[in-house]
Structure formats: structure tokens, C-alpha cells
């Protein structure tokens, strides 16, 4: 399955890049990963389930790979690179 493509039958929440953008926008302060997921689900008007959480973890991995967030003890923090 290619997580970076979207088609007409796939919900937008299953797109890793879109979800990463939304998660990054929600991270104004350091917060617990569960709180971040809850805020995402309320913001998007969806219920959390196993498939949505899988996409959210993939999105966090995507952001972490570009050094945009840091993770420590289940706390997610946004890294602002002012270069």
C-alpha cells in the first residue's frame, strides 16, 4: 500500500502528508501523544480507531524523520528551525 497517494475512494485522513501537516499545526506546545491524537480527532470530526492511529503514528514518524518534532517519554514537541 502506498501511503503517499490518495484516490477518490480513500478518506483524506489516510494521507500521511496531510495528516502530518495537521499534526504539526496542532503542536503549538509540548503535549502527550494521546492528547495530540484526541485533538486531531476532534479537529477532523472523526473517531479514533486502529487504522486512524496507525496513520497518525506513521505521520509522527514522517515528521520525526525531517527533525520537525522530538519525542521524549510520550511527549511530542515541535522543533522550530529558524535557519
N, C-alpha and C. Protein backbone atom coordinates (compact mmCIF):
# COMPACT_ATOMS: atom_id res chain seq x y z
N UNK A 1 0.85 -1.18 0.00
CA UNK A 1 0.00 0.00 0.00
C UNK A 1 0.89 1.24 0.00
N UNK A 2 0.62 2.17 -0.87
CA UNK A 2 1.39 3.41 -0.95
C UNK A 2 0.67 4.48 -0.14
N UNK A 3 1.26 4.87 1.00
CA UNK A 3 0.61 5.80 1.91
C UNK A 3 0.71 7.26 1.45
N UNK A 4 1.47 7.54 0.40
CA UNK A 4 1.64 8.90 -0.04
C UNK A 4 0.74 9.27 -1.21
N UNK A 5 -0.08 8.35 -1.63
CA UNK A 5 -1.02 8.63 -2.71
C UNK A 5 -2.43 8.65 -2.14
N UNK A 6 -3.28 9.39 -2.78
CA UNK A 6 -4.69 9.44 -2.36
C UNK A 6 -5.55 9.25 -3.61
N UNK A 7 -6.64 8.54 -3.44
CA UNK A 7 -7.56 8.38 -4.56
C UNK A 7 -8.96 8.75 -4.10
N UNK A 8 -9.91 8.67 -4.99
CA UNK A 8 -11.26 9.14 -4.68
C UNK A 8 -11.98 8.26 -3.66
N UNK A 9 -11.53 7.04 -3.46
CA UNK A 9 -12.17 6.15 -2.50
C UNK A 9 -11.50 6.16 -1.14
N UNK A 10 -10.44 6.92 -0.99
CA UNK A 10 -9.66 6.94 0.25
C UNK A 10 -9.94 8.22 1.03
N UNK A 11 -10.28 8.11 2.32
CA UNK A 11 -10.50 9.33 3.11
C UNK A 11 -9.22 10.14 3.23
N UNK A 12 -9.36 11.45 3.34
CA UNK A 12 -8.19 12.32 3.38
C UNK A 12 -7.37 12.07 4.64
N UNK A 13 -7.98 11.55 5.73
CA UNK A 13 -7.25 11.26 6.94
C UNK A 13 -6.25 10.13 6.77
N UNK A 14 -6.36 9.36 5.69
CA UNK A 14 -5.43 8.27 5.45
C UNK A 14 -4.23 8.72 4.62
N UNK A 15 -4.11 9.99 4.32
CA UNK A 15 -2.97 10.52 3.60
C UNK A 15 -1.94 10.99 4.64
N UNK A 16 -0.77 10.38 4.64
CA UNK A 16 0.25 10.66 5.66
C UNK A 16 0.73 12.10 5.60
N UNK A 17 0.89 12.66 4.44
CA UNK A 17 1.40 14.03 4.34
C UNK A 17 0.36 15.02 4.85
N UNK A 18 -0.89 14.85 4.51
CA UNK A 18 -1.96 15.71 5.02
C UNK A 18 -2.06 15.60 6.54
N UNK A 19 -2.04 14.38 7.04
CA UNK A 19 -2.14 14.16 8.48
C UNK A 19 -0.94 14.74 9.21
N UNK A 20 0.24 14.62 8.62
CA UNK A 20 1.44 15.21 9.22
C UNK A 20 1.32 16.72 9.32
N UNK A 21 0.80 17.34 8.29
CA UNK A 21 0.61 18.79 8.31
C UNK A 21 -0.34 19.19 9.43
N UNK A 22 -1.45 18.48 9.56
CA UNK A 22 -2.44 18.80 10.60
C UNK A 22 -1.86 18.58 12.00
N UNK A 23 -1.12 17.50 12.20
CA UNK A 23 -0.50 17.26 13.50
C UNK A 23 0.51 18.34 13.84
N UNK A 24 1.31 18.74 12.85
CA UNK A 24 2.31 19.78 13.08
C UNK A 24 1.65 21.10 13.45
N UNK A 25 0.52 21.40 12.82
CA UNK A 25 -0.21 22.63 13.15
C UNK A 25 -0.80 22.59 14.56
N UNK A 26 -1.19 21.41 15.02
CA UNK A 26 -1.76 21.28 16.36
C UNK A 26 -0.70 21.37 17.46
N UNK A 27 0.55 21.15 17.11
CA UNK A 27 1.63 21.14 18.10
C UNK A 27 2.15 22.55 18.37
N UNK A 28 1.41 23.31 19.10
CA UNK A 28 1.89 24.64 19.49
C UNK A 28 2.72 24.54 20.76
N UNK A 29 2.34 23.64 21.66
CA UNK A 29 3.06 23.39 22.90
C UNK A 29 3.37 21.90 22.99
N UNK A 30 4.29 21.56 23.86
CA UNK A 30 4.58 20.15 24.11
C UNK A 30 3.35 19.48 24.70
N UNK A 31 2.99 18.31 24.18
CA UNK A 31 1.83 17.60 24.70
C UNK A 31 2.02 16.10 24.59
N UNK A 32 1.24 15.39 25.38
CA UNK A 32 1.28 13.93 25.37
C UNK A 32 0.72 13.42 24.05
N UNK A 33 1.24 12.30 23.60
CA UNK A 33 0.85 11.77 22.30
C UNK A 33 -0.65 11.44 22.24
N UNK A 34 -1.22 10.95 23.34
CA UNK A 34 -2.66 10.64 23.36
C UNK A 34 -3.49 11.91 23.27
N UNK A 35 -3.04 12.97 23.92
CA UNK A 35 -3.75 14.25 23.85
C UNK A 35 -3.71 14.81 22.43
N UNK A 36 -2.56 14.65 21.78
CA UNK A 36 -2.43 15.11 20.39
C UNK A 36 -3.38 14.35 19.47
N UNK A 37 -3.46 13.04 19.65
CA UNK A 37 -4.36 12.23 18.83
C UNK A 37 -5.82 12.60 19.08
N UNK A 38 -6.18 12.86 20.34
CA UNK A 38 -7.55 13.27 20.66
C UNK A 38 -7.88 14.62 20.02
N UNK A 39 -6.95 15.56 20.09
CA UNK A 39 -7.18 16.87 19.46
C UNK A 39 -7.34 16.74 17.96
N UNK A 40 -6.54 15.87 17.35
CA UNK A 40 -6.65 15.64 15.91
C UNK A 40 -8.03 15.10 15.56
N UNK A 41 -8.49 14.12 16.33
CA UNK A 41 -9.79 13.52 16.02
C UNK A 41 -10.92 14.52 16.21
N UNK A 42 -10.84 15.38 17.22
CA UNK A 42 -11.87 16.41 17.41
C UNK A 42 -11.80 17.45 16.30
N UNK A 43 -10.59 17.83 15.91
CA UNK A 43 -10.41 18.84 14.86
C UNK A 43 -10.95 18.34 13.52
N UNK A 44 -10.74 17.06 13.23
CA UNK A 44 -11.18 16.49 11.96
C UNK A 44 -12.60 15.94 12.01
N UNK A 45 -13.18 15.83 13.21
CA UNK A 45 -14.53 15.30 13.33
C UNK A 45 -14.62 13.82 13.06
N UNK A 46 -13.58 13.07 13.44
CA UNK A 46 -13.56 11.63 13.22
C UNK A 46 -13.38 10.92 14.57
N UNK A 47 -13.67 9.64 14.60
CA UNK A 47 -13.42 8.85 15.80
C UNK A 47 -12.11 8.10 15.63
N UNK A 48 -11.38 7.99 16.73
CA UNK A 48 -10.12 7.26 16.68
C UNK A 48 -10.40 5.76 16.62
N UNK A 49 -9.69 5.09 15.75
CA UNK A 49 -9.73 3.63 15.69
C UNK A 49 -8.33 3.16 15.33
N UNK A 50 -8.16 1.88 15.21
CA UNK A 50 -6.84 1.32 14.97
C UNK A 50 -6.22 1.83 13.67
N UNK A 51 -7.01 1.94 12.61
CA UNK A 51 -6.49 2.39 11.32
C UNK A 51 -6.07 3.86 11.37
N UNK A 52 -6.85 4.69 12.03
CA UNK A 52 -6.51 6.11 12.14
C UNK A 52 -5.25 6.28 12.99
N UNK A 53 -5.16 5.54 14.08
CA UNK A 53 -3.96 5.63 14.93
C UNK A 53 -2.72 5.17 14.18
N UNK A 54 -2.86 4.18 13.33
CA UNK A 54 -1.73 3.71 12.52
C UNK A 54 -1.23 4.83 11.61
N UNK A 55 -2.14 5.55 10.98
CA UNK A 55 -1.77 6.67 10.12
C UNK A 55 -1.15 7.79 10.94
N UNK A 56 -1.67 8.04 12.14
CA UNK A 56 -1.12 9.09 13.00
C UNK A 56 0.30 8.75 13.42
N UNK A 57 0.56 7.50 13.76
CA UNK A 57 1.93 7.11 14.11
C UNK A 57 2.86 7.21 12.90
N UNK A 58 2.38 6.84 11.73
CA UNK A 58 3.19 7.00 10.52
C UNK A 58 3.47 8.48 10.25
N UNK A 59 2.50 9.33 10.51
CA UNK A 59 2.69 10.77 10.32
C UNK A 59 3.71 11.33 11.29
N UNK A 60 3.66 10.87 12.54
CA UNK A 60 4.67 11.30 13.51
C UNK A 60 6.06 10.84 13.11
N UNK A 61 6.15 9.63 12.58
CA UNK A 61 7.43 9.12 12.10
C UNK A 61 7.93 9.96 10.93
N UNK A 62 7.04 10.35 10.05
CA UNK A 62 7.38 11.22 8.93
C UNK A 62 7.94 12.55 9.43
N UNK A 63 7.26 13.18 10.39
CA UNK A 63 7.73 14.46 10.95
C UNK A 63 9.05 14.29 11.69
N UNK A 64 9.20 13.19 12.41
CA UNK A 64 10.42 12.93 13.15
C UNK A 64 11.61 12.74 12.21
N UNK A 65 11.37 12.11 11.07
CA UNK A 65 12.45 11.86 10.11
C UNK A 65 13.00 13.15 9.51
N UNK A 66 12.20 14.21 9.49
CA UNK A 66 12.64 15.51 9.00
C UNK A 66 13.05 16.45 10.12
N UNK A 67 13.21 15.92 11.33
CA UNK A 67 13.60 16.70 12.52
C UNK A 67 12.66 17.87 12.77
N UNK A 68 11.38 17.67 12.57
CA UNK A 68 10.39 18.71 12.83
C UNK A 68 9.76 18.56 14.21
N UNK A 69 9.88 17.35 14.80
CA UNK A 69 9.37 17.11 16.14
C UNK A 69 10.40 16.30 16.92
N UNK A 70 10.26 16.34 18.24
CA UNK A 70 11.05 15.46 19.09
C UNK A 70 10.11 14.70 20.00
N UNK A 71 10.50 13.51 20.36
CA UNK A 71 9.70 12.65 21.22
C UNK A 71 10.52 12.27 22.44
N UNK A 72 9.92 12.45 23.61
CA UNK A 72 10.59 12.07 24.85
C UNK A 72 9.53 11.68 25.87
N UNK A 73 9.55 10.42 26.31
CA UNK A 73 8.60 9.90 27.29
C UNK A 73 7.15 10.15 26.86
N UNK A 74 6.83 9.84 25.62
CA UNK A 74 5.49 10.02 25.04
C UNK A 74 5.05 11.48 24.97
N UNK A 75 5.97 12.41 25.12
CA UNK A 75 5.67 13.82 24.93
C UNK A 75 6.21 14.24 23.57
N UNK A 76 5.37 14.90 22.81
CA UNK A 76 5.74 15.35 21.47
C UNK A 76 5.96 16.84 21.53
N UNK A 77 7.08 17.28 20.96
CA UNK A 77 7.42 18.68 20.97
C UNK A 77 7.79 19.12 19.56
N UNK A 78 7.29 20.26 19.18
CA UNK A 78 7.58 20.84 17.86
C UNK A 78 8.96 21.50 17.91
N UNK A 79 9.77 21.26 16.89
CA UNK A 79 11.08 21.88 16.79
C UNK A 79 11.01 22.95 15.72
N UNK A 80 11.25 24.18 16.12
CA UNK A 80 11.25 25.30 15.18
C UNK A 80 12.68 25.58 14.73
N UNK A 81 12.93 25.33 13.46
CA UNK A 81 14.25 25.61 12.89
C UNK A 81 14.23 26.97 12.25
N UNK A 82 14.89 27.93 12.89
CA UNK A 82 14.91 29.30 12.39
C UNK A 82 16.19 29.56 11.60
N UNK A 83 16.38 28.80 10.52
CA UNK A 83 17.58 29.00 9.71
C UNK A 83 17.24 29.60 8.39
